[in-house]
PDB file of N, CA and C in Angstrom:
ATOM      1  N   MET A   1      -4.598  20.920  -3.890  1.00  0.00           N
ATOM      2  CA  MET A   1      -4.655  19.829  -2.942  1.00  0.00           C
ATOM      3  C   MET A   1      -4.315  20.363  -1.565  1.00  0.00           C
ATOM      4  N   THR A   2      -5.145  20.046  -0.610  1.00  0.00           N
ATOM      5  CA  THR A   2      -4.959  20.492   0.761  1.00  0.00           C
ATOM      6  C   THR A   2      -4.211  19.430   1.556  1.00  0.00           C
ATOM      7  N   ILE A   3      -3.180  19.854   2.238  1.00  0.00           N
ATOM      8  CA  ILE A   3      -2.385  18.956   3.082  1.00  0.00           C
ATOM      9  C   ILE A   3      -2.569  19.376   4.527  1.00  0.00           C
ATOM     10  N   THR A   4      -2.813  18.405   5.395  1.00  0.00           N
ATOM     11  CA  THR A   4      -2.972  18.672   6.818  1.00  0.00           C
ATOM     12  C   THR A   4      -1.850  17.985   7.580  1.00  0.00           C
ATOM     13  N   ALA A   5      -1.173  18.739   8.421  1.00  0.00           N
ATOM     14  CA  ALA A   5      -0.097  18.173   9.241  1.00  0.00           C
ATOM     15  C   ALA A   5      -0.689  17.260  10.307  1.00  0.00           C
ATOM     16  N   THR A   6       0.120  16.320  10.752  1.00  0.00           N
ATOM     17  CA  THR A   6      -0.267  15.436  11.856  1.00  0.00           C
ATOM     18  C   THR A   6       0.782  15.591  12.951  1.00  0.00           C
ATOM     19  N   GLU A   7       0.602  14.893  14.046  1.00  0.00           N
ATOM     20  CA  GLU A   7       1.604  14.947  15.111  1.00  0.00           C
ATOM     21  C   GLU A   7       2.845  14.137  14.745  1.00  0.00           C
ATOM     22  N   TYR A   8       2.790  13.424  13.628  1.00  0.00           N
ATOM     23  CA  TYR A   8       3.934  12.652  13.136  1.00  0.00           C
ATOM     24  C   TYR A   8       4.674  13.525  12.130  1.00  0.00           C
ATOM     25  N   LYS A   9       5.940  13.762  12.384  1.00  0.00           N
ATOM     26  CA  LYS A   9       6.718  14.711  11.593  1.00  0.00           C
ATOM     27  C   LYS A   9       6.657  14.446  10.091  1.00  0.00           C
ATOM     28  N   TYR A  10       6.669  13.204   9.686  1.00  0.00           N
ATOM     29  CA  TYR A  10       6.755  12.870   8.268  1.00  0.00           C
ATOM     30  C   TYR A  10       5.447  12.354   7.670  1.00  0.00           C
ATOM     31  N   ILE A  11       4.345  12.529   8.375  1.00  0.00           N
ATOM     32  CA  ILE A  11       3.055  12.056   7.884  1.00  0.00           C
ATOM     33  C   ILE A  11       2.093  13.231   7.760  1.00  0.00           C
ATOM     34  N   GLU A  12       1.440  13.319   6.607  1.00  0.00           N
ATOM     35  CA  GLU A  12       0.446  14.349   6.349  1.00  0.00           C
ATOM     36  C   GLU A  12      -0.837  13.675   5.882  1.00  0.00           C
ATOM     37  N   LEU A  13      -1.953  14.374   6.038  1.00  0.00           N
ATOM     38  CA  LEU A  13      -3.226  13.893   5.520  1.00  0.00           C
ATOM     39  C   LEU A  13      -3.541  14.678   4.261  1.00  0.00           C
ATOM     40  N   ASP A  14      -3.880  13.950   3.180  1.00  0.00           N
ATOM     41  CA  ASP A  14      -4.227  14.654   1.948  1.00  0.00           C
ATOM     42  C   ASP A  14      -5.646  15.206   2.062  1.00  0.00           C
ATOM     43  N   ASP A  15      -6.164  15.790   0.988  1.00  0.00           N
ATOM     44  CA  ASP A  15      -7.479  16.427   1.044  1.00  0.00           C
ATOM     45  C   ASP A  15      -8.621  15.443   1.283  1.00  0.00           C
ATOM     46  N   LYS A  16      -8.355  14.140   1.138  1.00  0.00           N
ATOM     47  CA  LYS A  16      -9.359  13.116   1.431  1.00  0.00           C
ATOM     48  C   LYS A  16      -9.151  12.504   2.817  1.00  0.00           C
ATOM     49  N   GLY A  17      -8.171  13.019   3.559  1.00  0.00           N
ATOM     50  CA  GLY A  17      -7.891  12.508   4.894  1.00  0.00           C
ATOM     51  C   GLY A  17      -7.036  11.256   4.903  1.00  0.00           C
ATOM     52  N   VAL A  18      -6.410  10.949   3.762  1.00  0.00           N
ATOM     53  CA  VAL A  18      -5.570   9.757   3.644  1.00  0.00           C
ATOM     54  C   VAL A  18      -4.150  10.103   4.089  1.00  0.00           C
ATOM     55  N   PRO A  19      -3.580   9.314   5.011  1.00  0.00           N
ATOM     56  CA  PRO A  19      -2.216   9.602   5.453  1.00  0.00           C
ATOM     57  C   PRO A  19      -1.185   9.246   4.387  1.00  0.00           C
ATOM     58  N   VAL A  20      -0.340  10.227   4.065  1.00  0.00           N
ATOM     59  CA  VAL A  20       0.733  10.040   3.091  1.00  0.00           C
ATOM     60  C   VAL A  20       2.051  10.443   3.720  1.00  0.00           C
ATOM     61  N   ILE A  21       3.121   9.906   3.177  1.00  0.00           N
ATOM     62  CA  ILE A  21       4.449  10.254   3.668  1.00  0.00           C
ATOM     63  C   ILE A  21       4.814  11.613   3.083  1.00  0.00           C
ATOM     64  N   ALA A  22       5.134  12.558   3.950  1.00  0.00           N
ATOM     65  CA  ALA A  22       5.408  13.940   3.546  1.00  0.00           C
ATOM     66  C   ALA A  22       6.460  13.999   2.447  1.00  0.00           C
ATOM     67  N   GLY A  23       6.198  14.844   1.449  1.00  0.00           N
ATOM     68  CA  GLY A  23       7.140  15.035   0.358  1.00  0.00           C
ATOM     69  C   GLY A  23       7.065  13.947  -0.707  1.00  0.00           C
ATOM     70  N   THR A  24       6.127  13.010  -0.569  1.00  0.00           N
ATOM     71  CA  THR A  24       5.967  11.927  -1.537  1.00  0.00           C
ATOM     72  C   THR A  24       4.484  11.766  -1.856  1.00  0.00           C
ATOM     73  N   THR A  25       4.201  10.854  -2.750  1.00  0.00           N
ATOM     74  CA  THR A  25       2.803  10.491  -3.010  1.00  0.00           C
ATOM     75  C   THR A  25       2.467   9.138  -2.393  1.00  0.00           C
ATOM     76  N   MET A  26       3.411   8.559  -1.635  1.00  0.00           N
ATOM     77  CA  MET A  26       3.193   7.227  -1.064  1.00  0.00           C
ATOM     78  C   MET A  26       2.284   7.296   0.152  1.00  0.00           C
ATOM     79  N   LYS A  27       1.226   6.501   0.087  1.00  0.00           N
ATOM     80  CA  LYS A  27       0.311   6.385   1.207  1.00  0.00           C
ATOM     81  C   LYS A  27       0.925   5.465   2.266  1.00  0.00           C
ATOM     82  N   VAL A  28       0.608   5.737   3.512  1.00  0.00           N
ATOM     83  CA  VAL A  28       1.112   4.911   4.610  1.00  0.00           C
ATOM     84  C   VAL A  28       0.685   3.458   4.400  1.00  0.00           C
ATOM     85  N   VAL A  29      -0.565   3.240   3.970  1.00  0.00           N
ATOM     86  CA  VAL A  29      -1.034   1.855   3.783  1.00  0.00           C
ATOM     87  C   VAL A  29      -0.242   1.134   2.707  1.00  0.00           C
ATOM     88  N   GLU A  30       0.257   1.841   1.706  1.00  0.00           N
ATOM     89  CA  GLU A  30       1.059   1.195   0.658  1.00  0.00           C
ATOM     90  C   GLU A  30       2.371   0.673   1.225  1.00  0.00           C
ATOM     91  N   LEU A  31       2.991   1.439   2.084  1.00  0.00           N
ATOM     92  CA  LEU A  31       4.237   0.991   2.718  1.00  0.00           C
ATOM     93  C   LEU A  31       3.965  -0.194   3.644  1.00  0.00           C
ATOM     94  N   VAL A  32       2.882  -0.110   4.393  1.00  0.00           N
ATOM     95  CA  VAL A  32       2.523  -1.195   5.314  1.00  0.00           C
ATOM     96  C   VAL A  32       2.185  -2.461   4.534  1.00  0.00           C
ATOM     97  N   GLU A  33       1.475  -2.319   3.412  1.00  0.00           N
ATOM     98  CA  GLU A  33       1.153  -3.487   2.591  1.00  0.00           C
ATOM     99  C   GLU A  33       2.421  -4.174   2.085  1.00  0.00           C
ATOM    100  N   ALA A  34       3.416  -3.401   1.729  1.00  0.00           N
ATOM    101  CA  ALA A  34       4.696  -3.981   1.297  1.00  0.00           C
ATOM    102  C   ALA A  34       5.346  -4.726   2.455  1.00  0.00           C
ATOM    103  N   GLN A  35       5.281  -4.148   3.631  1.00  0.00           N
ATOM    104  CA  GLN A  35       5.870  -4.814   4.794  1.00  0.00           C
ATOM    105  C   GLN A  35       5.147  -6.122   5.097  1.00  0.00           C
ATOM    106  N   ILE A  36       3.822  -6.100   5.021  1.00  0.00           N
ATOM    107  CA  ILE A  36       3.035  -7.300   5.293  1.00  0.00           C
ATOM    108  C   ILE A  36       3.275  -8.359   4.208  1.00  0.00           C
ATOM    109  N   ALA A  37       3.230  -7.941   2.958  1.00  0.00           N
ATOM    110  CA  ALA A  37       3.347  -8.886   1.837  1.00  0.00           C
ATOM    111  C   ALA A  37       4.697  -9.589   1.809  1.00  0.00           C
ATOM    112  N   TYR A  38       5.758  -8.853   2.090  1.00  0.00           N
ATOM    113  CA  TYR A  38       7.103  -9.407   1.954  1.00  0.00           C
ATOM    114  C   TYR A  38       7.798  -9.690   3.284  1.00  0.00           C
ATOM    115  N   GLY A  39       7.174  -9.268   4.390  1.00  0.00           N
ATOM    116  CA  GLY A  39       7.791  -9.475   5.693  1.00  0.00           C
ATOM    117  C   GLY A  39       9.045  -8.634   5.892  1.00  0.00           C
ATOM    118  N   TRP A  40       9.088  -7.467   5.237  1.00  0.00           N
ATOM    119  CA  TRP A  40      10.278  -6.629   5.283  1.00  0.00           C
ATOM    120  C   TRP A  40      10.419  -5.883   6.604  1.00  0.00           C
ATOM    121  N   SER A  41      11.636  -5.800   7.078  1.00  0.00           N
ATOM    122  CA  SER A  41      11.983  -4.964   8.222  1.00  0.00           C
ATOM    123  C   SER A  41      12.030  -3.510   7.731  1.00  0.00           C
ATOM    124  N   PRO A  42      12.095  -2.544   8.647  1.00  0.00           N
ATOM    125  CA  PRO A  42      12.252  -1.152   8.208  1.00  0.00           C
ATOM    126  C   PRO A  42      13.487  -0.966   7.309  1.00  0.00           C
ATOM    127  N   GLU A  43      14.562  -1.690   7.613  1.00  0.00           N
ATOM    128  CA  GLU A  43      15.774  -1.575   6.797  1.00  0.00           C
ATOM    129  C   GLU A  43      15.532  -2.090   5.370  1.00  0.00           C
ATOM    130  N   LYS A  44      14.802  -3.207   5.254  1.00  0.00           N
ATOM    131  CA  LYS A  44      14.483  -3.754   3.926  1.00  0.00           C
ATOM    132  C   LYS A  44      13.533  -2.822   3.174  1.00  0.00           C
ATOM    133  N   LEU A  45      12.594  -2.210   3.905  1.00  0.00           N
ATOM    134  CA  LEU A  45      11.712  -1.231   3.264  1.00  0.00           C
ATOM    135  C   LEU A  45      12.544  -0.096   2.683  1.00  0.00           C
ATOM    136  N   HIS A  46      13.541   0.355   3.446  1.00  0.00           N
ATOM    137  CA  HIS A  46      14.409   1.431   2.974  1.00  0.00           C
ATOM    138  C   HIS A  46      15.209   0.990   1.753  1.00  0.00           C
ATOM    139  N   LEU A  47      15.710  -0.219   1.783  1.00  0.00           N
ATOM    140  CA  LEU A  47      16.476  -0.751   0.656  1.00  0.00           C
ATOM    141  C   LEU A  47      15.634  -0.789  -0.614  1.00  0.00           C
ATOM    142  N   ASN A  48      14.348  -1.091  -0.467  1.00  0.00           N
ATOM    143  CA  ASN A  48      13.463  -1.214  -1.622  1.00  0.00           C
ATOM    144  C   ASN A  48      12.714   0.070  -1.961  1.00  0.00           C
ATOM    145  N   HIS A  49      12.834   1.063  -1.113  1.00  0.00           N
ATOM    146  CA  HIS A  49      12.219   2.384  -1.347  1.00  0.00           C
ATOM    147  C   HIS A  49      13.260   3.442  -1.014  1.00  0.00           C
ATOM    148  N   ARG A  50      14.295   3.505  -1.814  1.00  0.00           N
ATOM    149  CA  ARG A  50      15.448   4.389  -1.539  1.00  0.00           C
ATOM    150  C   ARG A  50      15.082   5.861  -1.437  1.00  0.00           C
ATOM    151  N   TYR A  51      13.997   6.252  -2.063  1.00  0.00           N
ATOM    152  CA  TYR A  51      13.594   7.658  -2.031  1.00  0.00           C
ATOM    153  C   TYR A  51      13.011   8.062  -0.668  1.00  0.00           C
ATOM    154  N   LEU A  52      12.760   7.070   0.195  1.00  0.00           N
ATOM    155  CA  LEU A  52      12.278   7.355   1.546  1.00  0.00           C
ATOM    156  C   LEU A  52      13.445   7.304   2.528  1.00  0.00           C
ATOM    157  N   THR A  53      13.426   8.205   3.491  1.00  0.00           N
ATOM    158  CA  THR A  53      14.438   8.150   4.537  1.00  0.00           C
ATOM    159  C   THR A  53      13.972   7.165   5.611  1.00  0.00           C
ATOM    160  N   MET A  54      14.897   6.704   6.415  1.00  0.00           N
ATOM    161  CA  MET A  54      14.521   5.828   7.524  1.00  0.00           C
ATOM    162  C   MET A  54      13.554   6.553   8.462  1.00  0.00           C
ATOM    163  N   SER A  55      13.738   7.844   8.647  1.00  0.00           N
ATOM    164  CA  SER A  55      12.835   8.613   9.507  1.00  0.00           C
ATOM    165  C   SER A  55      11.416   8.610   8.946  1.00  0.00           C
ATOM    166  N   GLN A  56      11.280   8.753   7.638  1.00  0.00           N
ATOM    167  CA  GLN A  56       9.954   8.706   7.015  1.00  0.00           C
ATOM    168  C   GLN A  56       9.321   7.319   7.207  1.00  0.00           C
ATOM    169  N   ILE A  57      10.110   6.282   7.002  1.00  0.00           N
ATOM    170  CA  ILE A  57       9.610   4.908   7.140  1.00  0.00           C
ATOM    171  C   ILE A  57       9.173   4.640   8.569  1.00  0.00           C
ATOM    172  N   LEU A  58      10.017   4.979   9.525  1.00  0.00           N
ATOM    173  CA  LEU A  58       9.684   4.732  10.928  1.00  0.00           C
ATOM    174  C   LEU A  58       8.489   5.562  11.385  1.00  0.00           C
ATOM    175  N   SER A  59       8.375   6.767  10.879  1.00  0.00           N
ATOM    176  CA  SER A  59       7.222   7.606  11.201  1.00  0.00           C
ATOM    177  C   SER A  59       5.944   6.993  10.633  1.00  0.00           C
ATOM    178  N   ALA A  60       6.015   6.478   9.399  1.00  0.00           N
ATOM    179  CA  ALA A  60       4.852   5.830   8.781  1.00  0.00           C
ATOM    180  C   ALA A  60       4.446   4.585   9.562  1.00  0.00           C
ATOM    181  N   LEU A  61       5.422   3.805   9.981  1.00  0.00           N
ATOM    182  CA  LEU A  61       5.116   2.593  10.751  1.00  0.00           C
ATOM    183  C   LEU A  61       4.541   2.947  12.122  1.00  0.00           C
ATOM    184  N   ALA A  62       5.041   4.000  12.747  1.00  0.00           N
ATOM    185  CA  ALA A  62       4.492   4.452  14.032  1.00  0.00           C
ATOM    186  C   ALA A  62       3.048   4.917  13.842  1.00  0.00           C
ATOM    187  N   TYR A  63       2.810   5.653  12.765  1.00  0.00           N
ATOM    188  CA  TYR A  63       1.436   6.109  12.473  1.00  0.00           C
ATOM    189  C   TYR A  63       0.525   4.893  12.292  1.00  0.00           C
ATOM    190  N   TYR A  64       1.001   3.894  11.576  1.00  0.00           N
ATOM    191  CA  TYR A  64       0.213   2.684  11.364  1.00  0.00           C
ATOM    192  C   TYR A  64      -0.142   2.028  12.697  1.00  0.00           C
ATOM    193  N   TRP A  65       0.848   1.810  13.552  1.00  0.00           N
ATOM    194  CA  TRP A  65       0.584   1.112  14.809  1.00  0.00           C
ATOM    195  C   TRP A  65      -0.330   1.916  15.728  1.00  0.00           C
ATOM    196  N   ASP A  66      -0.261   3.221  15.641  1.00  0.00           N
ATOM    197  CA  ASP A  66      -1.141   4.055  16.468  1.00  0.00           C
ATOM    198  C   ASP A  66      -2.550   4.160  15.886  1.00  0.00           C
ATOM    199  N   ASN A  67      -2.724   3.783  14.617  1.00  0.00           N
ATOM    200  CA  ASN A  67      -4.014   3.854  13.938  1.00  0.00           C
ATOM    201  C   ASN A  67      -4.333   2.530  13.249  1.00  0.00           C
ATOM    202  N   LYS A  68      -3.865   1.446  13.840  1.00  0.00           N
ATOM    203  CA  LYS A  68      -3.906   0.114  13.232  1.00  0.00           C
ATOM    204  C   LYS A  68      -5.306  -0.317  12.799  1.00  0.00           C
ATOM    205  N   GLU A  69      -6.278  -0.159  13.664  1.00  0.00           N
ATOM    206  CA  GLU A  69      -7.631  -0.619  13.352  1.00  0.00           C
ATOM    207  C   GLU A  69      -8.183   0.062  12.090  1.00  0.00           C
ATOM    208  N   GLU A  70      -8.030   1.367  12.028  1.00  0.00           N
ATOM    209  CA  GLU A  70      -8.515   2.136  10.872  1.00  0.00           C
ATOM    210  C   GLU A  70      -7.768   1.758   9.591  1.00  0.00           C
ATOM    211  N   LEU A  71      -6.445   1.654   9.677  1.00  0.00           N
ATOM    212  CA  LEU A  71      -5.659   1.345   8.489  1.00  0.00           C
ATOM    213  C   LEU A  71      -5.813  -0.112   8.064  1.00  0.00           C
ATOM    214  N   ASP A  72      -5.994  -1.025   9.009  1.00  0.00           N
ATOM    215  CA  ASP A  72      -6.265  -2.416   8.644  1.00  0.00           C
ATOM    216  C   ASP A  72      -7.594  -2.522   7.894  1.00  0.00           C
ATOM    217  N   ALA A  73      -8.579  -1.721   8.295  1.00  0.00           N
ATOM    218  CA  ALA A  73      -9.863  -1.696   7.579  1.00  0.00           C
ATOM    219  C   ALA A  73      -9.658  -1.192   6.150  1.00  0.00           C
ATOM    220  N   GLU A  74      -8.805  -0.193   5.975  1.00  0.00           N
ATOM    221  CA  GLU A  74      -8.493   0.330   4.635  1.00  0.00           C
ATOM    222  C   GLU A  74      -7.801  -0.735   3.797  1.00  0.00           C
ATOM    223  N   ILE A  75      -6.862  -1.453   4.385  1.00  0.00           N
ATOM    224  CA  ILE A  75      -6.147  -2.523   3.662  1.00  0.00           C
ATOM    225  C   ILE A  75      -7.135  -3.617   3.256  1.00  0.00           C
ATOM    226  N   LYS A  76      -8.034  -3.977   4.150  1.00  0.00           N
ATOM    227  CA  LYS A  76      -9.035  -4.996   3.834  1.00  0.00           C
ATOM    228  C   LYS A  76      -9.939  -4.524   2.700  1.00  0.00           C
ATOM    229  N   ALA A  77     -10.360  -3.275   2.728  1.00  0.00           N
ATOM    230  CA  ALA A  77     -11.211  -2.721   1.668  1.00  0.00           C
ATOM    231  C   ALA A  77     -10.478  -2.732   0.328  1.00  0.00           C
ATOM    232  N   ARG A  78      -9.190  -2.424   0.335  1.00  0.00           N
ATOM    233  CA  ARG A  78      -8.395  -2.460  -0.899  1.00  0.00           C
ATOM    234  C   ARG A  78      -8.321  -3.881  -1.455  1.00  0.00           C
ATOM    235  N   ASP A  79      -8.117  -4.855  -0.578  1.00  0.00           N
ATOM    236  CA  ASP A  79      -8.054  -6.251  -1.002  1.00  0.00           C
ATOM    237  C   ASP A  79      -9.383  -6.693  -1.617  1.00  0.00           C
ATOM    238  N   GLU A  80     -10.479  -6.317  -0.982  1.00  0.00           N
ATOM    239  CA  GLU A  80     -11.804  -6.670  -1.496  1.00  0.00           C
ATOM    240  C   GLU A  80     -12.046  -6.026  -2.860  1.00  0.00           C
ATOM    241  N   TYR A  81     -11.623  -4.778  -3.017  1.00  0.00           N
ATOM    242  CA  TYR A  81     -11.780  -4.084  -4.292  1.00  0.00           C
ATOM    243  C   TYR A  81     -11.032  -4.824  -5.406  1.00  0.00           C
ATOM    244  N   VAL A  82      -9.816  -5.248  -5.115  1.00  0.00           N
ATOM    245  CA  VAL A  82      -9.016  -5.977  -6.105  1.00  0.00           C
ATOM    246  C   VAL A  82      -9.688  -7.295  -6.466  1.00  0.00           C
ATOM    247  N   LYS A  83     -10.177  -8.017  -5.470  1.00  0.00           N
ATOM    248  CA  LYS A  83     -10.856  -9.292  -5.733  1.00  0.00           C
ATOM    249  C   LYS A  83     -12.077  -9.084  -6.619  1.00  0.00           C
ATOM    250  N   GLN A  84     -12.878  -8.069  -6.324  1.00  0.00           N
ATOM    251  CA  GLN A  84     -14.069  -7.789  -7.120  1.00  0.00           C
ATOM    252  C   GLN A  84     -13.701  -7.359  -8.537  1.00  0.00           C
ATOM    253  N   ALA A  85     -12.644  -6.575  -8.676  1.00  0.00           N
ATOM    254  CA  ALA A  85     -12.192  -6.148 -10.006  1.00  0.00           C
ATOM    255  C   ALA A  85     -11.712  -7.337 -10.828  1.00  0.00           C
ATOM    256  N   GLU A  86     -11.022  -8.273 -10.185  1.00  0.00           N
ATOM    257  CA  GLU A  86     -10.557  -9.475 -10.888  1.00  0.00           C
ATOM    258  C   GLU A  86     -11.736 -10.322 -11.362  1.00  0.00           C
ATOM    259  N   ILE A  87     -12.747 -10.446 -10.523  1.00  0.00           N
ATOM    260  CA  ILE A  87     -13.938 -11.207 -10.902  1.00  0.00           C
ATOM    261  C   ILE A  87     -14.648 -10.518 -12.063  1.00  0.00           C
ATOM    262  N   ALA A  88     -14.796  -9.200 -11.965  1.00  0.00           N
ATOM    263  CA  ALA A  88     -15.491  -8.444 -13.014  1.00  0.00           C
ATOM    264  C   ALA A  88     -14.731  -8.495 -14.342  1.00  0.00           C
ATOM    265  N   ALA A  89     -13.418  -8.504 -14.291  1.00  0.00           N
ATOM    266  CA  ALA A  89     -12.607  -8.510 -15.516  1.00  0.00           C
ATOM    267  C   ALA A  89     -12.642  -9.865 -16.204  1.00  0.00           C
ATOM    268  N   GLY A  90     -12.818 -10.916 -15.432  1.00  0.00           N
ATOM    269  CA  GLY A  90     -12.828 -12.258 -16.026  1.00  0.00           C
ATOM    270  C   GLY A  90     -11.434 -12.673 -16.475  1.00  0.00           C
ATOM    271  N   GLU A  91     -11.402 -13.784 -17.185  1.00  0.00           N
ATOM    272  CA  GLU A  91     -10.125 -14.315 -17.652  1.00  0.00           C
ATOM    273  C   GLU A  91      -9.570 -13.464 -18.789  1.00  0.00           C
ATOM    274  N   SER A  92      -8.273 -13.232 -18.762  1.00  0.00           N
ATOM    275  CA  SER A  92      -7.652 -12.423 -19.814  1.00  0.00           C
ATOM    276  C   SER A  92      -7.587 -13.219 -21.110  1.00  0.00           C
ATOM    277  N   PRO A  93      -7.601 -12.537 -22.247  1.00  0.00           N
ATOM    278  CA  PRO A  93      -7.481 -13.228 -23.532  1.00  0.00           C
ATOM    279  C   PRO A  93      -6.191 -14.050 -23.624  1.00  0.00           C
ATOM    280  N   PHE A  94      -5.115 -13.558 -23.033  1.00  0.00           N
ATOM    281  CA  PHE A  94      -3.844 -14.284 -23.061  1.00  0.00           C
ATOM    282  C   PHE A  94      -3.976 -15.629 -22.344  1.00  0.00           C
ATOM    283  N   VAL A  95      -4.566 -15.610 -21.155  1.00  0.00           N
ATOM    284  CA  VAL A  95      -4.741 -16.846 -20.392  1.00  0.00           C
ATOM    285  C   VAL A  95      -5.658 -17.802 -21.148  1.00  0.00           C
ATOM    286  N   ALA A  96      -6.693 -17.275 -21.769  1.00  0.00           N
ATOM    287  CA  ALA A  96      -7.605 -18.129 -22.547  1.00  0.00           C
ATOM    288  C   ALA A  96      -6.853 -18.822 -23.683  1.00  0.00           C
ATOM    289  N   ARG A  97      -5.983 -18.079 -24.381  1.00  0.00           N
ATOM    290  CA  ARG A  97      -5.190 -18.688 -25.469  1.00  0.00           C
ATOM    291  C   ARG A  97      -4.250 -19.757 -24.937  1.00  0.00           C
ATOM    292  N   MET A  98      -3.652 -19.515 -23.793  1.00  0.00           N
ATOM    293  CA  MET A  98      -2.738 -20.497 -23.203  1.00  0.00           C
ATOM    294  C   MET A  98      -3.498 -21.771 -22.795  1.00  0.00           C
ATOM    295  N   ARG A  99      -4.717 -21.600 -22.307  1.00  0.00           N
ATOM    296  CA  ARG A  99      -5.534 -22.775 -21.956  1.00  0.00           C
ATOM    297  C   ARG A  99      -5.902 -23.560 -23.220  1.00  0.00           C
ATOM    298  N   GLU A 100      -6.244 -22.853 -24.283  1.00  0.00           N
ATOM    299  CA  GLU A 100      -6.568 -23.511 -25.552  1.00  0.00           C
ATOM    300  C   GLU A 100      -5.394 -24.339 -26.057  1.00  0.00           C
ATOM    301  N   ARG A 101      -4.222 -23.850 -25.859  1.00  0.00           N
ATOM    302  CA  ARG A 101      -3.000 -24.548 -26.319  1.00  0.00           C
ATOM    303  C   ARG A 101      -2.504 -25.556 -25.289  1.00  0.00           C
ATOM    304  N   VAL A 102      -3.258 -25.721 -24.225  1.00  0.00           N
ATOM    305  CA  VAL A 102      -2.952 -26.637 -23.137  1.00  0.00           C
ATOM    306  C   VAL A 102      -1.598 -26.318 -22.491  1.00  0.00           C
ATOM    307  N   LEU A 103      -1.294 -25.053 -22.436  1.00  0.00           N
ATOM    308  CA  LEU A 103      -0.075 -24.612 -21.758  1.00  0.00           C
ATOM    309  C   LEU A 103      -0.353 -24.236 -20.309  1.00  0.00           C
ATOM    310  N   LEU A 104      -1.644 -24.087 -20.006  1.00  0.00           N
ATOM    311  CA  LEU A 104      -2.076 -23.808 -18.629  1.00  0.00           C
ATOM    312  C   LEU A 104      -3.192 -24.784 -18.295  1.00  0.00           C
ATOM    313  N   PRO A 105      -3.295 -25.169 -17.037  1.00  0.00           N
ATOM    314  CA  PRO A 105      -4.387 -26.077 -16.640  1.00  0.00           C
ATOM    315  C   PRO A 105      -5.741 -25.413 -16.729  1.00  0.00           C
TER     316      PRO A 105
END
């Protein structure tokens, strides 16, 4: 796997050009998605991702804000992929059984 350094001390690009937090497998968009989904501050992100340092978190957030348009497009593409996968998968057998038993609407 090829890693490319960036001007952000704690952010590297993997062999596909995806920004990841150095020394981890966490993608910058994954951290940003957590912040968006839960409204977490950098301190809350650190509390919920103890393996990341505050410097790594702040560097990832700085990278996001400096590349917002590109990363927002990636987040949107991920959301669309999940929606399409859910449609393709259909209703789970568990949910179908619960509907049969009138435990779910």
